[in-house]
Amino acid sequence: MDYDHAKKAENYVLFGTRKRSPSELERKRKVMRPLVEDSLERKVENDVLDVALKWFDDTIDASGYIRTVARLTGVVGENASQKPICATDLGWGPVNKTYKWPDFANREAGPGERTGTLPYMAGDVINERSLHSPDVCAEDKPFVHEAIHDVESLLWVLVRLCLTRKGPGINMRREEELDDKSPSYNKELRDMVVALFEGTDEVLKANKSSLHRHWRSFEWKVIAHFHPYFEPLKPYVRRWWTTLILGYEYRAEEFYDIHDHIIRILDEAIQEIGKTVSEDDEATKAEINRRKIHKERLLATFRRQESVTPPLASSPLSSLLSSPQSLRNTPQRHAVSQEDPESPSERLHVQKKLKR
């Protein structure tokens, strides 16, 4: 389903299915191998060359794809292993893996508007065009909301937390740095928060476009302003961002297998950060305690409501239908006490809409 377009795909297109004869494959490998290995100063396995050739017919394009992915994923460099690079080192699936993609070619979008929370929209979505592959959204082709756009949206949620918070839980906003009347005011940080999350529609569009066009600036414009508490997350956010860029730029493995790539990054982050960050951190302990207290207060509220809820007959539906008064007297079972001082209170951004 593509919910933004209110349409369902009945047909699918298989990607990553290009097959070559053994002789043609070997010929292309011989052309590509020196182009890749001399540049990376590393040997590569055949599966790396073969996966790239699934997506690109031209050996120059396929070689460039391999070199870029290897460098951006950190497979090559001073501290990298010197063993031959294989497909799994680059996060790629097996050579014979194909991708079943919904085909909306014969379906038209229904009436309505594309909706979403603007600060967290992917750059393509908020601008309603492809920022990396203009030909994908030519005048005769409608813009398509892809899976990779949702993965980018999730990244922006995490980025905002890293920019505006200084630890876990409520009352942990970086107010002293974001308030222009504070002695600790950080104008660069405040400007970036406004540029990406709190500016006008046009400001958000322009800055998302700029970051995608100059994607390396993500490091010094965004990651550099993370609060020190989130320092362990930086390498994983970098990889998330570069994986998105690879997906947008090449529309190959990282585009069609984006979920597996990001899940792999998140799993690694949880495992590695868990080794260095413990619940002994004072802010973490305070937040865990706050949540326990908040949970108990919520449970107490529900128990009080349960105690005044009239017992239902053996047939709940018939009982309710026969006694409308009981509906009016039944408390809201899922209401949260407004007197709970531990309830988080933070401004929520109203959902906005973009005309299609």
Protein backbone atom coordinates (compact mmCIF):
# COMPACT_ATOMS: atom_id res chain seq x y z
CA MET A 1 0.00 0.00 0.00
CA ASP A 2 1.08 3.57 -0.69
CA TYR A 3 -1.10 5.38 1.85
CA ASP A 4 -0.15 8.86 0.67
CA HIS A 5 -1.56 8.03 -2.76
CA ALA A 6 -4.47 5.89 -1.51
CA LYS A 7 -3.67 3.11 -3.93
CA LYS A 8 -2.71 -0.53 -3.80
CA ALA A 9 -0.26 -2.25 -6.11
CA GLU A 10 -1.57 -5.36 -7.79
CA ASN A 11 1.62 -6.03 -9.73
CA TYR A 12 5.27 -6.12 -8.76
CA VAL A 13 8.55 -5.51 -10.52
CA LEU A 14 11.66 -7.52 -9.69
CA PHE A 15 14.90 -5.57 -9.32
CA GLY A 16 18.44 -6.87 -9.12
CA THR A 17 17.74 -9.62 -11.65
CA ARG A 18 20.27 -8.84 -14.38
CA LYS A 19 21.86 -12.10 -15.42
CA ARG A 20 24.97 -12.55 -17.53
CA SER A 21 26.59 -15.50 -19.23
CA PRO A 22 29.70 -16.87 -17.47
CA SER A 23 31.92 -15.61 -20.28
CA GLU A 24 30.46 -12.08 -20.22
CA LEU A 25 30.67 -11.94 -16.43
CA GLU A 26 34.32 -12.99 -16.44
CA ARG A 27 35.14 -10.43 -19.13
CA LYS A 28 33.59 -7.60 -17.11
CA ARG A 29 35.32 -8.75 -13.93
CA LYS A 30 38.71 -8.49 -15.66
CA VAL A 31 37.92 -4.90 -16.67
CA MET A 32 36.60 -3.88 -13.24
CA ARG A 33 39.08 -5.56 -10.92
CA PRO A 34 42.07 -3.22 -11.52
CA LEU A 35 39.77 -0.18 -11.50
CA VAL A 36 38.56 -1.13 -8.03
CA GLU A 37 41.60 -2.74 -6.42
CA ASP A 38 44.17 -0.16 -7.56
CA SER A 39 41.99 2.66 -6.25
CA LEU A 40 41.12 1.04 -2.90
CA GLU A 41 44.52 -0.66 -2.49
CA ARG A 42 42.64 -3.77 -1.42
CA LYS A 43 41.68 -7.03 -3.07
CA VAL A 44 37.99 -7.67 -3.70
CA GLU A 45 36.09 -10.92 -3.98
CA ASN A 46 34.12 -11.80 -7.09
CA ASP A 47 30.79 -11.37 -5.28
CA VAL A 48 31.49 -7.63 -4.85
CA LEU A 49 31.99 -7.21 -8.59
CA ASP A 50 28.99 -9.42 -9.39
CA VAL A 51 26.58 -7.55 -7.11
CA ALA A 52 27.57 -4.21 -8.63
CA LEU A 53 27.08 -5.64 -12.11
CA LYS A 54 23.51 -6.57 -11.17
CA TRP A 55 22.72 -2.86 -11.04
CA PHE A 56 25.04 -1.32 -13.60
CA ASP A 57 25.71 -2.51 -17.12
CA ASP A 58 28.65 -0.15 -17.59
CA THR A 59 31.84 -1.36 -15.87
CA ILE A 60 32.93 2.22 -15.10
CA ASP A 61 29.66 2.93 -13.26
CA ALA A 62 29.80 -0.40 -11.42
CA SER A 63 33.41 0.21 -10.36
CA GLY A 64 32.61 3.72 -9.13
CA TYR A 65 29.72 2.36 -7.10
CA ILE A 66 31.98 -0.16 -5.35
CA ARG A 67 34.68 2.41 -4.60
CA THR A 68 32.21 4.91 -3.15
CA VAL A 69 30.43 2.35 -0.95
CA ALA A 70 33.75 0.96 0.34
CA ARG A 71 34.99 4.41 1.34
CA LEU A 72 31.76 5.64 2.90
CA THR A 73 31.21 2.48 4.92
CA GLY A 74 34.73 2.58 6.36
CA VAL A 75 35.81 -0.70 4.82
CA VAL A 76 39.02 0.92 3.60
CA GLY A 77 41.30 3.23 5.52
CA GLU A 78 44.24 3.27 7.94
CA ASN A 79 42.69 0.98 10.54
CA ALA A 80 40.74 -1.25 8.17
CA SER A 81 41.42 -4.94 7.74
CA GLN A 82 43.56 -5.92 4.78
CA LYS A 83 41.68 -9.10 3.91
CA PRO A 84 39.86 -9.14 0.55
CA ILE A 85 36.58 -7.23 0.61
CA CYS A 86 33.47 -9.36 0.21
CA ALA A 87 29.84 -8.34 -0.42
CA THR A 88 28.80 -8.72 3.21
CA ASP A 89 31.54 -6.28 4.26
CA LEU A 90 29.63 -3.65 2.28
CA GLY A 91 26.28 -4.69 3.74
CA TRP A 92 25.19 -6.25 0.46
CA GLY A 93 23.11 -9.37 0.14
CA PRO A 94 24.04 -12.45 -1.91
CA VAL A 95 24.42 -12.08 -5.66
CA ASN A 96 21.20 -13.95 -6.36
CA LYS A 97 19.07 -11.80 -4.04
CA THR A 98 16.26 -9.96 -5.85
CA TYR A 99 13.86 -7.27 -4.67
CA LYS A 100 10.08 -7.40 -5.19
CA TRP A 101 8.94 -3.81 -5.68
CA PRO A 102 5.30 -2.61 -5.99
CA ASP A 103 4.42 -1.35 -9.45
CA PHE A 104 2.13 1.70 -9.46
CA ALA A 105 2.53 2.37 -13.19
CA ASN A 106 -1.11 1.63 -13.97
CA ARG A 107 -2.57 3.22 -10.85
CA GLU A 108 -3.45 6.88 -10.31
CA ALA A 109 -3.39 8.71 -7.00
CA GLY A 110 -6.76 9.35 -5.42
CA PRO A 111 -7.96 12.83 -4.43
CA GLY A 112 -6.54 14.32 -1.28
CA GLU A 113 -3.38 15.79 0.19
CA ARG A 114 -0.02 14.37 1.11
CA THR A 115 0.31 14.64 4.88
CA GLY A 116 3.09 14.48 7.37
CA THR A 117 4.95 16.37 10.11
CA LEU A 118 7.09 18.80 8.17
CA PRO A 119 10.21 18.88 10.39
CA TYR A 120 10.62 15.12 10.01
CA MET A 121 9.82 14.78 6.32
CA ALA A 122 12.53 13.43 4.03
CA GLY A 123 14.15 16.02 1.77
CA ASP A 124 12.53 14.54 -1.33
CA VAL A 125 9.08 14.42 0.25
CA ILE A 126 9.00 17.97 1.60
CA ASN A 127 10.20 19.24 -1.80
CA GLU A 128 8.03 16.75 -3.75
CA ARG A 129 10.89 15.87 -6.09
CA SER A 130 14.02 13.75 -6.14
CA LEU A 131 16.97 15.82 -4.93
CA HIS A 132 19.55 13.31 -6.17
CA SER A 133 18.02 11.86 -9.34
CA PRO A 134 16.03 14.56 -11.17
CA ASP A 135 15.16 12.18 -14.02
CA VAL A 136 13.22 10.00 -11.55
CA CYS A 137 10.69 12.80 -11.14
CA ALA A 138 10.56 14.25 -14.62
CA GLU A 139 7.51 16.27 -15.63
CA ASP A 140 5.80 13.19 -17.03
CA LYS A 141 6.46 11.15 -13.86
CA PRO A 142 4.64 11.81 -10.58
CA PHE A 143 6.64 11.94 -7.36
CA VAL A 144 6.62 8.59 -5.54
CA HIS A 145 6.98 8.21 -1.77
CA GLU A 146 9.43 5.33 -1.29
CA ALA A 147 10.49 3.22 1.71
CA ILE A 148 13.79 5.09 1.95
CA HIS A 149 11.88 8.31 2.68
CA ASP A 150 10.34 6.81 5.82
CA VAL A 151 13.77 5.66 6.99
CA GLU A 152 15.10 9.20 6.52
CA SER A 153 12.16 10.59 8.53
CA LEU A 154 13.09 8.37 11.46
CA LEU A 155 16.65 9.69 11.28
CA TRP A 156 15.40 13.28 11.64
CA VAL A 157 13.51 12.32 14.81
CA LEU A 158 16.75 11.01 16.31
CA VAL A 159 18.75 14.02 15.11
CA ARG A 160 16.36 16.44 16.80
CA LEU A 161 16.73 14.62 20.11
CA CYS A 162 20.52 14.73 19.84
CA LEU A 163 20.46 18.46 19.08
CA THR A 164 17.91 19.63 21.64
CA ARG A 165 18.35 17.24 24.59
CA LYS A 166 21.18 16.74 27.07
CA GLY A 167 20.14 13.39 28.49
CA PRO A 168 17.24 11.00 28.99
CA GLY A 169 13.76 11.92 30.20
CA ILE A 170 11.81 15.13 30.68
CA ASN A 171 13.27 18.46 31.76
CA MET A 172 16.42 17.65 29.81
CA ARG A 173 16.17 20.22 27.02
CA ARG A 174 19.26 22.30 26.34
CA GLU A 175 17.39 25.44 27.40
CA GLU A 176 20.51 27.31 28.49
CA GLU A 177 21.99 26.89 24.99
CA LEU A 178 18.79 27.47 23.04
CA ASP A 179 17.62 30.58 24.93
CA ASP A 180 19.08 33.73 23.37
CA LYS A 181 18.90 35.48 26.77
CA SER A 182 21.08 32.87 28.46
CA PRO A 183 24.82 33.46 29.02
CA SER A 184 25.40 29.98 27.53
CA TYR A 185 23.41 30.73 24.38
CA ASN A 186 24.70 28.77 21.36
CA LYS A 187 23.62 30.66 18.26
CA GLU A 188 24.94 28.07 15.79
CA LEU A 189 22.98 25.33 17.55
CA ARG A 190 19.83 27.43 17.69
CA ASP A 191 20.13 28.36 14.01
CA MET A 192 20.45 24.70 13.02
CA VAL A 193 17.42 23.67 15.10
CA VAL A 194 15.37 26.41 13.43
CA ALA A 195 16.73 25.55 9.97
CA LEU A 196 15.78 21.88 10.21
CA PHE A 197 12.83 21.73 12.59
CA GLU A 198 11.27 25.03 13.65
CA GLY A 199 11.49 27.32 10.63
CA THR A 200 8.81 28.13 8.07
CA ASP A 201 7.87 25.61 5.40
CA GLU A 202 10.18 27.30 2.92
CA VAL A 203 13.08 27.40 5.38
CA LEU A 204 12.72 23.67 6.07
CA LYS A 205 12.56 22.87 2.35
CA ALA A 206 15.62 24.97 1.52
CA ASN A 207 17.78 23.55 4.31
CA LYS A 208 16.85 19.92 3.63
CA SER A 209 17.68 20.52 -0.03
CA SER A 210 21.01 22.10 0.88
CA LEU A 211 22.02 19.19 3.13
CA HIS A 212 21.22 16.70 0.40
CA ARG A 213 23.09 18.64 -2.27
CA HIS A 214 26.10 19.13 0.01
CA TRP A 215 25.65 15.96 1.98
CA ARG A 216 29.15 15.99 3.51
CA SER A 217 28.20 19.19 5.39
CA PHE A 218 25.95 17.02 7.57
CA GLU A 219 29.06 16.37 9.68
CA TRP A 220 29.88 19.95 10.67
CA LYS A 221 26.42 21.45 10.36
CA VAL A 222 24.50 18.78 12.26
CA ILE A 223 26.54 16.07 14.00
CA ALA A 224 29.03 18.60 15.38
CA HIS A 225 26.23 20.16 17.47
CA PHE A 226 25.08 16.95 19.19
CA HIS A 227 25.15 17.22 22.97
CA PRO A 228 28.11 15.32 24.51
CA TYR A 229 25.66 12.86 26.08
CA PHE A 230 24.98 11.55 22.56
CA GLU A 231 28.63 11.26 21.57
CA PRO A 232 28.45 7.41 21.32
CA LEU A 233 25.69 7.74 18.72
CA LYS A 234 27.70 9.86 16.28
CA PRO A 235 29.35 7.07 14.24
CA TYR A 236 26.02 5.31 13.78
CA VAL A 237 24.21 8.49 12.74
CA ARG A 238 27.01 9.10 10.20
CA ARG A 239 26.54 5.62 8.75
CA TRP A 240 22.76 6.06 8.66
CA TRP A 241 23.13 9.32 6.73
CA THR A 242 25.72 7.98 4.26
CA THR A 243 23.61 4.86 3.68
CA LEU A 244 20.69 7.10 2.73
CA ILE A 245 22.90 9.12 0.40
CA LEU A 246 24.16 5.94 -1.29
CA GLY A 247 20.57 4.79 -1.72
CA TYR A 248 19.49 8.08 -3.26
CA GLU A 249 22.56 8.51 -5.46
CA TYR A 250 22.84 4.99 -6.90
CA ARG A 251 19.34 3.47 -6.40
CA ALA A 252 20.92 0.04 -5.98
CA GLU A 253 21.50 -2.19 -2.91
CA GLU A 254 21.09 0.60 -0.34
CA PHE A 255 17.88 1.83 -1.97
CA TYR A 256 16.04 -1.47 -2.35
CA ASP A 257 17.36 -3.05 0.86
CA ILE A 258 17.29 0.08 3.04
CA HIS A 259 15.52 -1.52 6.01
CA ASP A 260 18.08 -4.28 6.41
CA HIS A 261 20.92 -1.77 6.20
CA ILE A 262 19.52 0.48 8.93
CA ILE A 263 18.43 -2.39 11.18
CA ARG A 264 21.99 -3.68 10.99
CA ILE A 265 23.32 -0.27 12.06
CA LEU A 266 20.83 -0.01 14.93
CA ASP A 267 21.54 -3.53 16.17
CA GLU A 268 25.24 -2.78 16.22
CA ALA A 269 24.65 0.52 18.03
CA ILE A 270 22.55 -1.15 20.72
CA GLN A 271 25.16 -3.84 21.23
CA GLU A 272 28.22 -1.58 21.27
CA ILE A 273 26.80 1.37 23.20
CA GLY A 274 25.37 -1.03 25.75
CA LYS A 275 28.93 -2.03 26.64
CA THR A 276 29.95 1.49 27.58
CA VAL A 277 26.73 3.13 28.86
CA SER A 278 25.10 1.69 31.95
CA GLU A 279 22.19 2.48 34.21
CA ASP A 280 24.70 3.84 36.74
CA ASP A 281 24.63 7.17 34.91
CA GLU A 282 22.89 9.64 37.25
CA ALA A 283 20.59 11.05 34.55
CA THR A 284 19.65 7.54 33.44
CA LYS A 285 18.92 6.42 37.00
CA ALA A 286 16.78 9.51 37.59
CA GLU A 287 14.81 8.86 34.39
CA ILE A 288 14.25 5.16 35.22
CA ASN A 289 12.99 6.16 38.66
CA ARG A 290 10.70 8.83 37.16
CA ARG A 291 9.18 6.30 34.79
CA LYS A 292 8.55 3.82 37.62
CA ILE A 293 6.76 6.49 39.67
CA HIS A 294 4.80 7.64 36.63
CA LYS A 295 3.76 4.06 35.85
CA GLU A 296 2.53 3.50 39.41
CA ARG A 297 0.47 6.68 39.30
CA LEU A 298 -1.10 5.65 36.02
CA LEU A 299 -1.92 2.20 37.39
CA ALA A 300 -3.43 3.77 40.50
CA THR A 301 -5.61 5.96 38.28
CA PHE A 302 -6.85 2.95 36.32
CA ARG A 303 -7.53 1.01 39.53
CA ARG A 304 -9.68 3.86 40.88
CA GLN A 305 -11.63 3.91 37.62
CA GLU A 306 -12.08 0.13 37.72
CA SER A 307 -13.54 0.36 41.21
CA VAL A 308 -16.36 2.66 40.04
CA THR A 309 -17.07 0.91 36.72
CA PRO A 310 -20.50 -0.85 36.86
CA PRO A 311 -20.23 -4.64 36.43
CA LEU A 312 -21.23 -5.82 32.97
CA ALA A 313 -23.82 -8.50 32.37
CA SER A 314 -22.91 -11.82 30.79
CA SER A 315 -23.67 -10.28 27.41
CA PRO A 316 -21.88 -6.92 27.40
CA LEU A 317 -23.39 -5.76 24.11
CA SER A 318 -27.00 -6.48 25.10
CA SER A 319 -26.44 -4.92 28.51
CA LEU A 320 -25.09 -1.71 27.05
CA LEU A 321 -27.79 -1.50 24.41
CA SER A 322 -30.51 -2.03 26.96
CA SER A 323 -29.12 0.55 29.37
CA PRO A 324 -27.86 3.72 27.62
CA GLN A 325 -27.57 5.39 31.00
CA SER A 326 -24.73 3.04 31.92
CA LEU A 327 -22.70 4.37 29.02
CA ARG A 328 -23.02 7.90 30.28
CA ASN A 329 -22.03 6.88 33.80
CA THR A 330 -19.01 4.77 32.79
CA PRO A 331 -15.72 6.65 33.31
CA GLN A 332 -13.22 7.00 30.49
CA ARG A 333 -11.10 3.88 31.02
CA HIS A 334 -8.02 5.24 29.29
CA ALA A 335 -7.98 8.78 30.63
CA VAL A 336 -4.73 9.95 32.17
CA SER A 337 -4.94 11.96 35.35
CA GLN A 338 -4.39 15.63 34.62
CA GLU A 339 -3.05 16.07 38.15
CA ASP A 340 -0.04 13.84 37.56
CA PRO A 341 2.98 16.14 37.84
CA GLU A 342 5.18 13.53 36.18
CA SER A 343 3.28 13.59 32.89
CA PRO A 344 5.68 14.84 30.19
CA SER A 345 4.67 18.18 28.72
CA GLU A 346 6.45 19.32 25.61
CA ARG A 347 5.17 21.30 22.67
CA LEU A 348 4.02 19.07 19.84
CA HIS A 349 4.25 20.21 16.27
CA VAL A 350 0.88 20.26 14.63
CA GLN A 351 0.58 17.98 11.65
CA LYS A 352 0.83 20.00 8.48
CA LYS A 353 -0.14 19.18 4.96
CA LEU A 354 1.45 19.57 1.58
CA LYS A 355 -0.70 19.99 -1.52
CA ARG A 356 0.08 17.33 -4.04
